[in-house]
Amino acid sequence: IGIAALIYSISAREANSRGDRPAAERYSSTAKILNLVALILGLLAIISSVVIIAVSLALY
């Protein structure tokens, strides 16, 4: 997901340099959403891992 966000970010920068503001805003918005999704999924993965490790250590 992070790589897709990076690609959209680069596309936004290129569109902005061409002067295509609507496309730049669209790409930028998509990149922002993808970055937020990647952040949330990453945090959920870390929290889940910590909980699983804590529970498995508590059982033994």
Foldseek 3Di string as FASTA:
>chain_A
DLVQLVVLQVVLVVCVVVVNNVSNVVSNVVSVVVVVVVVVVVVVVVVVVVVVVVVVVVVD
